[in-house]
Amino acid sequence: MRYAIVDNASGAIGAVMDVSDPDLLAPNTPPGSTALRFPYGPNDGGGYRYAWGSRTFVSIPATPLTAAETEAMLIPLVKGTAATKKMMAMSPSTSKTEEYRLKAPEIAASANVAAAVLNALTAANAMLQYPAAATEQKLSGEPLATVLARFRAGAGGSNPEVNRLSAIEQVQCRRIQAATTAAAKRAVYDAIDWNWRP
């Protein structure tokens, strides 16, 4: 499906995206903009038309994008898609971005601390040093070390997938940058296989 990223104030189109999953639009839609779906292809003027409810807009100049403009549009799309997929690899919902950001330091800080030391922390010290784990511990009643081990196991399971997605992101961005024409850059983007496995 093709979407236009439209500035709410001016109606100008900042980018056009082809995505199969609408969730991938969020990281590429800046504040003050809206992602609107294109219903059909080019209009008589050579641009594109898109619809929002009963309103139909015509935009995007017919003048083809230069290689530099194409690259400037495609690189953020690749990076935004990669970022969304990485977060979904860590969690079934992209709404957990903040949760994982908060847990990561606790996982790192507790990596070389013995379970007995972690479990001996007072409630106040545990909350100070490992607030996410200590909060979950209060509810579950499990030892602090057990909660932190579960955090670590979840992060460890997602790392290979995150590494795979990072490899795709980096290689494809370099290929887009190396392509010398707008058409060649677009062909690289269109050929990206996010399901590639090492």
Protein backbone atom coordinates (compact mmCIF):
# COMPACT_ATOMS: atom_id res chain seq x y z
CA MET A 1 0.00 0.00 0.00
CA ARG A 2 1.27 3.47 -0.82
CA TYR A 3 1.01 6.28 1.71
CA ALA A 4 1.80 9.99 1.57
CA ILE A 5 3.33 11.63 4.65
CA VAL A 6 1.47 14.94 4.60
CA ASP A 7 2.17 18.09 6.60
CA ASN A 8 -1.07 18.94 8.41
CA ALA A 9 -0.62 22.70 8.16
CA SER A 10 0.40 23.12 4.52
CA GLY A 11 -0.86 19.90 2.93
CA ALA A 12 2.57 19.39 1.37
CA ILE A 13 3.77 15.82 0.91
CA GLY A 14 7.08 15.20 2.64
CA ALA A 15 7.51 11.59 1.53
CA VAL A 16 5.79 8.67 -0.12
CA MET A 17 6.03 5.20 1.38
CA ASP A 18 5.15 1.75 0.08
CA VAL A 19 4.45 -0.46 3.11
CA SER A 20 2.50 -3.67 3.69
CA ASP A 21 2.17 -3.07 7.45
CA PRO A 22 0.64 0.31 8.47
CA ASP A 23 2.48 0.02 11.83
CA LEU A 24 5.67 0.83 9.92
CA LEU A 25 4.33 4.31 9.18
CA ALA A 26 4.60 5.59 12.76
CA PRO A 27 8.39 6.04 12.95
CA ASN A 28 8.36 7.81 9.58
CA THR A 29 5.54 10.25 10.35
CA PRO A 30 6.94 13.36 12.06
CA PRO A 31 4.91 15.40 14.55
CA GLY A 32 2.40 17.61 12.77
CA SER A 33 2.09 15.19 9.85
CA THR A 34 -0.36 12.47 8.86
CA ALA A 35 0.09 9.30 6.79
CA LEU A 36 -2.61 9.16 4.12
CA ARG A 37 -3.21 6.26 1.80
CA PHE A 38 -3.04 6.69 -1.98
CA PRO A 39 -6.08 5.09 -3.59
CA TYR A 40 -4.79 5.12 -7.13
CA GLY A 41 -1.90 6.12 -9.37
CA PRO A 42 -0.90 9.18 -11.36
CA ASN A 43 -3.29 11.97 -12.16
CA ASP A 44 -3.49 13.78 -15.46
CA GLY A 45 -0.83 16.24 -14.39
CA GLY A 46 1.73 13.52 -13.90
CA GLY A 47 1.73 13.77 -10.12
CA TYR A 48 -0.17 11.56 -7.71
CA ARG A 49 -3.51 11.86 -6.01
CA TYR A 50 -4.45 10.68 -2.54
CA ALA A 51 -7.72 10.63 -0.67
CA TRP A 52 -8.64 11.41 2.91
CA GLY A 53 -12.28 10.72 3.62
CA SER A 54 -14.34 12.51 0.98
CA ARG A 55 -11.54 14.95 0.14
CA THR A 56 -9.17 14.24 -2.73
CA PHE A 57 -5.87 16.03 -3.07
CA VAL A 58 -3.44 16.24 -5.95
CA SER A 59 0.19 16.72 -5.17
CA ILE A 60 3.78 15.64 -5.87
CA PRO A 61 5.30 17.41 -8.87
CA ALA A 62 5.63 15.40 -12.04
CA THR A 63 9.31 16.27 -12.20
CA PRO A 64 11.23 13.07 -11.37
CA LEU A 65 13.31 13.07 -8.21
CA THR A 66 17.05 13.37 -8.61
CA ALA A 67 19.35 10.63 -7.38
CA ALA A 68 20.19 12.72 -4.31
CA GLU A 69 16.52 13.41 -3.54
CA THR A 70 15.66 9.73 -3.99
CA GLU A 71 18.44 8.71 -1.62
CA ALA A 72 17.35 11.33 0.94
CA MET A 73 13.84 9.84 0.83
CA LEU A 74 14.80 6.14 0.85
CA ILE A 75 17.50 6.02 3.55
CA PRO A 76 15.13 7.24 6.31
CA LEU A 77 12.53 4.73 5.13
CA VAL A 78 15.00 1.87 5.47
CA LYS A 79 16.16 3.08 8.88
CA GLY A 80 12.60 3.65 10.10
CA THR A 81 11.46 0.21 8.96
CA ALA A 82 14.51 -1.39 10.61
CA ALA A 83 13.89 0.47 13.87
CA THR A 84 10.27 -0.67 13.99
CA LYS A 85 11.13 -4.27 13.19
CA LYS A 86 13.89 -4.30 15.84
CA MET A 87 11.46 -3.11 18.49
CA MET A 88 8.92 -5.71 17.41
CA ALA A 89 11.65 -8.35 17.71
CA MET A 90 12.10 -7.34 21.33
CA SER A 91 8.38 -7.14 22.06
CA PRO A 92 5.15 -8.09 20.32
CA SER A 93 4.10 -4.46 20.56
CA THR A 94 5.90 -1.29 19.55
CA SER A 95 4.35 0.36 22.61
CA LYS A 96 7.08 -1.19 24.77
CA THR A 97 9.88 1.03 23.46
CA GLU A 98 10.21 2.90 26.76
CA GLU A 99 10.00 -0.28 28.82
CA TYR A 100 12.96 -1.86 27.02
CA ARG A 101 14.94 1.37 27.23
CA LEU A 102 14.54 1.30 31.01
CA LYS A 103 15.33 -2.40 31.41
CA ALA A 104 18.53 -2.41 29.34
CA PRO A 105 20.71 -0.62 31.95
CA GLU A 106 19.44 -2.94 34.69
CA ILE A 107 20.37 -5.99 32.63
CA ALA A 108 23.85 -4.58 32.01
CA ALA A 109 24.40 -3.46 35.62
CA SER A 110 23.43 -6.83 37.08
CA ALA A 111 25.32 -8.99 34.59
CA ASN A 112 28.30 -9.74 36.85
CA VAL A 113 26.56 -9.51 40.21
CA ALA A 114 26.01 -12.77 42.09
CA ALA A 115 22.40 -13.82 42.63
CA ALA A 116 22.95 -13.93 46.39
CA VAL A 117 24.11 -10.29 46.38
CA LEU A 118 21.12 -9.20 44.30
CA ASN A 119 18.67 -11.07 46.51
CA ALA A 120 20.23 -9.61 49.68
CA LEU A 121 19.52 -6.00 48.62
CA THR A 122 16.99 -4.17 50.78
CA ALA A 123 13.77 -3.17 49.07
CA ALA A 124 14.91 0.46 49.04
CA ASN A 125 18.32 -0.36 47.52
CA ALA A 126 16.78 -2.72 44.98
CA MET A 127 14.34 -0.02 43.89
CA LEU A 128 17.18 2.49 43.64
CA GLN A 129 19.49 0.26 41.58
CA TYR A 130 17.01 -1.89 39.60
CA PRO A 131 13.65 -0.06 39.60
CA ALA A 132 11.96 -2.06 36.82
CA ALA A 133 13.02 -5.43 38.25
CA ALA A 134 12.27 -4.39 41.82
CA THR A 135 8.78 -3.26 40.85
CA GLU A 136 8.07 -6.59 39.16
CA GLN A 137 9.57 -8.43 42.14
CA LYS A 138 7.15 -6.71 44.50
CA LEU A 139 4.22 -8.02 42.51
CA SER A 140 5.52 -11.52 41.71
CA GLY A 141 7.27 -12.24 45.01
CA GLU A 142 10.18 -13.80 43.11
CA PRO A 143 13.81 -13.18 44.06
CA LEU A 144 15.29 -10.08 42.40
CA ALA A 145 17.93 -12.20 40.65
CA THR A 146 15.21 -14.33 39.04
CA VAL A 147 13.43 -11.29 37.64
CA LEU A 148 16.68 -9.86 36.26
CA ALA A 149 17.60 -13.23 34.74
CA ARG A 150 14.25 -13.26 32.94
CA PHE A 151 14.90 -9.73 31.63
CA ARG A 152 18.32 -10.89 30.42
CA ALA A 153 16.93 -14.01 28.75
CA GLY A 154 14.31 -11.98 26.90
CA ALA A 155 16.90 -9.51 25.67
CA GLY A 156 19.30 -12.29 24.70
CA GLY A 157 16.65 -14.05 22.64
CA SER A 158 15.96 -10.89 20.68
CA ASN A 159 19.61 -10.04 19.99
CA PRO A 160 20.14 -12.40 17.00
CA GLU A 161 17.02 -10.99 15.34
CA VAL A 162 18.12 -7.42 16.06
CA ASN A 163 21.57 -8.23 14.63
CA ARG A 164 19.96 -9.70 11.49
CA LEU A 165 17.82 -6.62 10.97
CA SER A 166 20.79 -4.32 11.60
CA ALA A 167 22.78 -6.15 8.93
CA ILE A 168 19.98 -5.71 6.40
CA GLU A 169 19.64 -2.04 7.33
CA GLN A 170 23.35 -1.25 7.01
CA VAL A 171 23.96 -3.21 3.80
CA GLN A 172 20.89 -1.87 2.01
CA CYS A 173 21.62 1.73 3.01
CA ARG A 174 25.14 1.36 1.61
CA ARG A 175 23.72 -0.15 -1.60
CA ILE A 176 21.28 2.72 -1.99
CA GLN A 177 24.12 5.19 -1.46
CA ALA A 178 26.32 3.35 -3.98
CA ALA A 179 23.68 3.29 -6.72
CA THR A 180 24.28 6.14 -9.16
CA THR A 181 20.80 6.92 -10.49
CA ALA A 182 17.40 7.53 -8.91
CA ALA A 183 15.99 4.46 -10.66
CA ALA A 184 18.85 2.28 -9.44
CA LYS A 185 18.43 3.55 -5.87
CA ARG A 186 14.69 2.83 -6.01
CA ALA A 187 15.40 -0.65 -7.43
CA VAL A 188 17.65 -1.41 -4.46
CA TYR A 189 14.95 -0.26 -2.07
CA ASP A 190 12.24 -2.25 -3.84
CA ALA A 191 14.40 -5.39 -3.69
CA ILE A 192 15.04 -5.27 0.07
CA ASP A 193 14.19 -8.63 1.63
CA TRP A 194 13.47 -8.11 5.33
CA ASN A 195 13.06 -11.89 5.67
CA TRP A 196 16.69 -12.60 4.70
CA ARG A 197 18.40 -15.06 7.08
CA PRO A 198 22.14 -15.70 7.47
